[in-house]
Amino acid sequence: MDTRTLLLLTIAAVGVGYAAYRDPKLGAAIAVAVVVVTLLAYFIKEDDSNKL
């Protein structure tokens, strides 16, 4: 994981934390979406690295 990805995930985590603080239902929905997108990006990146 490079620095940019770590920074993006940290910013997303702070945003989700704030949303969860303000509205727990919205925060949970955003957290699930962030996890799904992160996992998809990870699996796509792993799949691309095997094609070399």
PDB file of N, CA and C in Angstrom:
ATOM      1  N   MET A   1       0.853  -1.170   0.000  1.00  0.00           N
ATOM      2  CA  MET A   1       0.000   0.000   0.000  1.00  0.00           C
ATOM      3  C   MET A   1       0.901   1.235   0.000  1.00  0.00           C
ATOM      4  N   ASP A   2       0.647   2.119  -0.924  1.00  0.00           N
ATOM      5  CA  ASP A   2       1.465   3.314  -0.995  1.00  0.00           C
ATOM      6  C   ASP A   2       0.897   4.420  -0.101  1.00  0.00           C
ATOM      7  N   THR A   3       1.620   5.505  -0.014  1.00  0.00           N
ATOM      8  CA  THR A   3       1.265   6.600   0.887  1.00  0.00           C
ATOM      9  C   THR A   3      -0.042   7.271   0.483  1.00  0.00           C
ATOM     10  N   ARG A   4      -0.255   7.415  -0.810  1.00  0.00           N
ATOM     11  CA  ARG A   4      -1.489   8.071  -1.272  1.00  0.00           C
ATOM     12  C   ARG A   4      -2.716   7.261  -0.893  1.00  0.00           C
ATOM     13  N   THR A   5      -2.630   5.947  -1.042  1.00  0.00           N
ATOM     14  CA  THR A   5      -3.756   5.090  -0.686  1.00  0.00           C
ATOM     15  C   THR A   5      -4.022   5.152   0.813  1.00  0.00           C
ATOM     16  N   LEU A   6      -2.966   5.124   1.606  1.00  0.00           N
ATOM     17  CA  LEU A   6      -3.118   5.215   3.052  1.00  0.00           C
ATOM     18  C   LEU A   6      -3.745   6.547   3.452  1.00  0.00           C
ATOM     19  N   LEU A   7      -3.323   7.625   2.814  1.00  0.00           N
ATOM     20  CA  LEU A   7      -3.892   8.943   3.104  1.00  0.00           C
ATOM     21  C   LEU A   7      -5.374   8.984   2.720  1.00  0.00           C
ATOM     22  N   LEU A   8      -5.712   8.446   1.571  1.00  0.00           N
ATOM     23  CA  LEU A   8      -7.106   8.424   1.140  1.00  0.00           C
ATOM     24  C   LEU A   8      -7.972   7.611   2.095  1.00  0.00           C
ATOM     25  N   LEU A   9      -7.479   6.457   2.515  1.00  0.00           N
ATOM     26  CA  LEU A   9      -8.238   5.626   3.454  1.00  0.00           C
ATOM     27  C   LEU A   9      -8.389   6.318   4.810  1.00  0.00           C
ATOM     28  N   THR A  10      -7.362   7.050   5.230  1.00  0.00           N
ATOM     29  CA  THR A  10      -7.446   7.783   6.496  1.00  0.00           C
ATOM     30  C   THR A  10      -8.482   8.894   6.407  1.00  0.00           C
ATOM     31  N   ILE A  11      -8.486   9.629   5.314  1.00  0.00           N
ATOM     32  CA  ILE A  11      -9.477  10.692   5.126  1.00  0.00           C
ATOM     33  C   ILE A  11     -10.886  10.103   5.076  1.00  0.00           C
ATOM     34  N   ALA A  12     -11.027   8.979   4.375  1.00  0.00           N
ATOM     35  CA  ALA A  12     -12.336   8.322   4.309  1.00  0.00           C
ATOM     36  C   ALA A  12     -12.776   7.865   5.694  1.00  0.00           C
ATOM     37  N   ALA A  13     -11.848   7.334   6.488  1.00  0.00           N
ATOM     38  CA  ALA A  13     -12.186   6.879   7.839  1.00  0.00           C
ATOM     39  C   ALA A  13     -12.636   8.040   8.721  1.00  0.00           C
ATOM     40  N   VAL A  14     -11.975   9.172   8.593  1.00  0.00           N
ATOM     41  CA  VAL A  14     -12.372  10.348   9.366  1.00  0.00           C
ATOM     42  C   VAL A  14     -13.768  10.819   8.932  1.00  0.00           C
ATOM     43  N   GLY A  15     -14.013  10.827   7.628  1.00  0.00           N
ATOM     44  CA  GLY A  15     -15.335  11.219   7.125  1.00  0.00           C
ATOM     45  C   GLY A  15     -16.433  10.282   7.596  1.00  0.00           C
ATOM     46  N   VAL A  16     -16.162   8.999   7.574  1.00  0.00           N
ATOM     47  CA  VAL A  16     -17.148   8.017   8.049  1.00  0.00           C
ATOM     48  C   VAL A  16     -17.367   8.182   9.547  1.00  0.00           C
ATOM     49  N   GLY A  17     -16.282   8.395  10.271  1.00  0.00           N
ATOM     50  CA  GLY A  17     -16.418   8.604  11.720  1.00  0.00           C
ATOM     51  C   GLY A  17     -17.273   9.818  12.044  1.00  0.00           C
ATOM     52  N   TYR A  18     -17.071  10.901  11.319  1.00  0.00           N
ATOM     53  CA  TYR A  18     -17.879  12.107  11.540  1.00  0.00           C
ATOM     54  C   TYR A  18     -19.342  11.866  11.169  1.00  0.00           C
ATOM     55  N   ALA A  19     -19.565  11.184  10.040  1.00  0.00           N
ATOM     56  CA  ALA A  19     -20.940  10.884   9.626  1.00  0.00           C
ATOM     57  C   ALA A  19     -21.619   9.973  10.641  1.00  0.00           C
ATOM     58  N   ALA A  20     -20.884   9.006  11.175  1.00  0.00           N
ATOM     59  CA  ALA A  20     -21.449   8.106  12.178  1.00  0.00           C
ATOM     60  C   ALA A  20     -21.761   8.854  13.467  1.00  0.00           C
ATOM     61  N   TYR A  21     -20.957   9.836  13.799  1.00  0.00           N
ATOM     62  CA  TYR A  21     -21.207  10.646  14.985  1.00  0.00           C
ATOM     63  C   TYR A  21     -22.481  11.474  14.818  1.00  0.00           C
ATOM     64  N   ARG A  22     -22.656  12.044  13.624  1.00  0.00           N
ATOM     65  CA  ARG A  22     -23.819  12.895  13.372  1.00  0.00           C
ATOM     66  C   ARG A  22     -25.094  12.084  13.173  1.00  0.00           C
ATOM     67  N   ASP A  23     -25.005  10.981  12.430  1.00  0.00           N
ATOM     68  CA  ASP A  23     -26.174  10.150  12.121  1.00  0.00           C
ATOM     69  C   ASP A  23     -25.706   8.694  12.008  1.00  0.00           C
ATOM     70  N   PRO A  24     -25.935   7.876  13.027  1.00  0.00           N
ATOM     71  CA  PRO A  24     -25.406   6.507  13.035  1.00  0.00           C
ATOM     72  C   PRO A  24     -25.834   5.652  11.840  1.00  0.00           C
ATOM     73  N   LYS A  25     -27.054   5.808  11.357  1.00  0.00           N
ATOM     74  CA  LYS A  25     -27.497   5.016  10.204  1.00  0.00           C
ATOM     75  C   LYS A  25     -26.725   5.406   8.945  1.00  0.00           C
ATOM     76  N   LEU A  26     -26.553   6.680   8.732  1.00  0.00           N
ATOM     77  CA  LEU A  26     -25.794   7.152   7.578  1.00  0.00           C
ATOM     78  C   LEU A  26     -24.334   6.722   7.682  1.00  0.00           C
ATOM     79  N   GLY A  27     -23.770   6.827   8.869  1.00  0.00           N
ATOM     80  CA  GLY A  27     -22.386   6.419   9.068  1.00  0.00           C
ATOM     81  C   GLY A  27     -22.179   4.947   8.776  1.00  0.00           C
ATOM     82  N   ALA A  28     -23.125   4.112   9.186  1.00  0.00           N
ATOM     83  CA  ALA A  28     -23.021   2.671   8.919  1.00  0.00           C
ATOM     84  C   ALA A  28     -23.101   2.391   7.423  1.00  0.00           C
ATOM     85  N   ALA A  29     -23.989   3.065   6.739  1.00  0.00           N
ATOM     86  CA  ALA A  29     -24.130   2.868   5.297  1.00  0.00           C
ATOM     87  C   ALA A  29     -22.859   3.304   4.562  1.00  0.00           C
ATOM     88  N   ILE A  30     -22.302   4.428   4.936  1.00  0.00           N
ATOM     89  CA  ILE A  30     -21.082   4.905   4.302  1.00  0.00           C
ATOM     90  C   ILE A  30     -19.918   3.971   4.617  1.00  0.00           C
ATOM     91  N   ALA A  31     -19.857   3.476   5.848  1.00  0.00           N
ATOM     92  CA  ALA A  31     -18.778   2.557   6.230  1.00  0.00           C
ATOM     93  C   ALA A  31     -18.825   1.286   5.390  1.00  0.00           C
ATOM     94  N   VAL A  32     -20.007   0.748   5.182  1.00  0.00           N
ATOM     95  CA  VAL A  32     -20.143  -0.449   4.347  1.00  0.00           C
ATOM     96  C   VAL A  32     -19.700  -0.150   2.921  1.00  0.00           C
ATOM     97  N   ALA A  33     -20.099   0.993   2.396  1.00  0.00           N
ATOM     98  CA  ALA A  33     -19.712   1.370   1.031  1.00  0.00           C
ATOM     99  C   ALA A  33     -18.194   1.523   0.914  1.00  0.00           C
ATOM    100  N   VAL A  34     -17.558   2.136   1.898  1.00  0.00           N
ATOM    101  CA  VAL A  34     -16.106   2.321   1.864  1.00  0.00           C
ATOM    102  C   VAL A  34     -15.401   0.969   1.913  1.00  0.00           C
ATOM    103  N   VAL A  35     -15.882   0.070   2.739  1.00  0.00           N
ATOM    104  CA  VAL A  35     -15.270  -1.262   2.836  1.00  0.00           C
ATOM    105  C   VAL A  35     -15.403  -2.009   1.511  1.00  0.00           C
ATOM    106  N   VAL A  36     -16.581  -1.949   0.899  1.00  0.00           N
ATOM    107  CA  VAL A  36     -16.803  -2.648  -0.367  1.00  0.00           C
ATOM    108  C   VAL A  36     -15.894  -2.087  -1.461  1.00  0.00           C
ATOM    109  N   VAL A  37     -15.807  -0.780  -1.568  1.00  0.00           N
ATOM    110  CA  VAL A  37     -14.959  -0.166  -2.597  1.00  0.00           C
ATOM    111  C   VAL A  37     -13.484  -0.486  -2.340  1.00  0.00           C
ATOM    112  N   THR A  38     -13.066  -0.465  -1.082  1.00  0.00           N
ATOM    113  CA  THR A  38     -11.680  -0.789  -0.752  1.00  0.00           C
ATOM    114  C   THR A  38     -11.351  -2.226  -1.115  1.00  0.00           C
ATOM    115  N   LEU A  39     -12.241  -3.152  -0.793  1.00  0.00           N
ATOM    116  CA  LEU A  39     -12.009  -4.554  -1.137  1.00  0.00           C
ATOM    117  C   LEU A  39     -11.987  -4.765  -2.653  1.00  0.00           C
ATOM    118  N   LEU A  40     -12.887  -4.117  -3.363  1.00  0.00           N
ATOM    119  CA  LEU A  40     -12.888  -4.233  -4.822  1.00  0.00           C
ATOM    120  C   LEU A  40     -11.582  -3.705  -5.411  1.00  0.00           C
ATOM    121  N   ALA A  41     -11.125  -2.558  -4.928  1.00  0.00           N
ATOM    122  CA  ALA A  41      -9.868  -1.994  -5.424  1.00  0.00           C
ATOM    123  C   ALA A  41      -8.705  -2.924  -5.112  1.00  0.00           C
ATOM    124  N   TYR A  42      -8.705  -3.531  -3.939  1.00  0.00           N
ATOM    125  CA  TYR A  42      -7.639  -4.451  -3.568  1.00  0.00           C
ATOM    126  C   TYR A  42      -7.624  -5.676  -4.479  1.00  0.00           C
ATOM    127  N   PHE A  43      -8.803  -6.259  -4.709  1.00  0.00           N
ATOM    128  CA  PHE A  43      -8.868  -7.458  -5.539  1.00  0.00           C
ATOM    129  C   PHE A  43      -8.540  -7.154  -6.998  1.00  0.00           C
ATOM    130  N   ILE A  44      -8.954  -6.000  -7.492  1.00  0.00           N
ATOM    131  CA  ILE A  44      -8.624  -5.625  -8.866  1.00  0.00           C
ATOM    132  C   ILE A  44      -7.115  -5.417  -8.989  1.00  0.00           C
ATOM    133  N   LYS A  45      -6.516  -4.789  -8.001  1.00  0.00           N
ATOM    134  CA  LYS A  45      -5.066  -4.563  -8.021  1.00  0.00           C
ATOM    135  C   LYS A  45      -4.322  -5.883  -7.960  1.00  0.00           C
ATOM    136  N   GLU A  46      -4.766  -6.815  -7.139  1.00  0.00           N
ATOM    137  CA  GLU A  46      -4.138  -8.139  -7.044  1.00  0.00           C
ATOM    138  C   GLU A  46      -4.283  -8.902  -8.360  1.00  0.00           C
ATOM    139  N   ASP A  47      -5.442  -8.789  -8.997  1.00  0.00           N
ATOM    140  CA  ASP A  47      -5.688  -9.481 -10.249  1.00  0.00           C
ATOM    141  C   ASP A  47      -4.788  -8.936 -11.353  1.00  0.00           C
ATOM    142  N   ASP A  48      -4.601  -7.615 -11.391  1.00  0.00           N
ATOM    143  CA  ASP A  48      -3.745  -6.996 -12.404  1.00  0.00           C
ATOM    144  C   ASP A  48      -2.279  -7.377 -12.205  1.00  0.00           C
ATOM    145  N   SER A  49      -1.834  -7.551 -10.988  1.00  0.00           N
ATOM    146  CA  SER A  49      -0.435  -7.876 -10.755  1.00  0.00           C
ATOM    147  C   SER A  49      -0.100  -9.294 -11.187  1.00  0.00           C
ATOM    148  N   ASN A  50      -1.097 -10.175 -11.267  1.00  0.00           N
ATOM    149  CA  ASN A  50      -0.861 -11.555 -11.687  1.00  0.00           C
ATOM    150  C   ASN A  50      -0.772 -11.698 -13.202  1.00  0.00           C
ATOM    151  N   LYS A  51      -1.145 -10.677 -13.954  1.00  0.00           N
ATOM    152  CA  LYS A  51      -1.156 -10.758 -15.412  1.00  0.00           C
ATOM    153  C   LYS A  51       0.200 -10.459 -16.037  1.00  0.00           C
ATOM    154  N   LEU A  52       1.172 -10.064 -15.246  1.00  0.00           N
ATOM    155  CA  LEU A  52       2.490  -9.747 -15.793  1.00  0.00           C
ATOM    156  C   LEU A  52       3.124 -10.984 -16.215  1.00  0.00           C
TER     157      LEU A  52
END
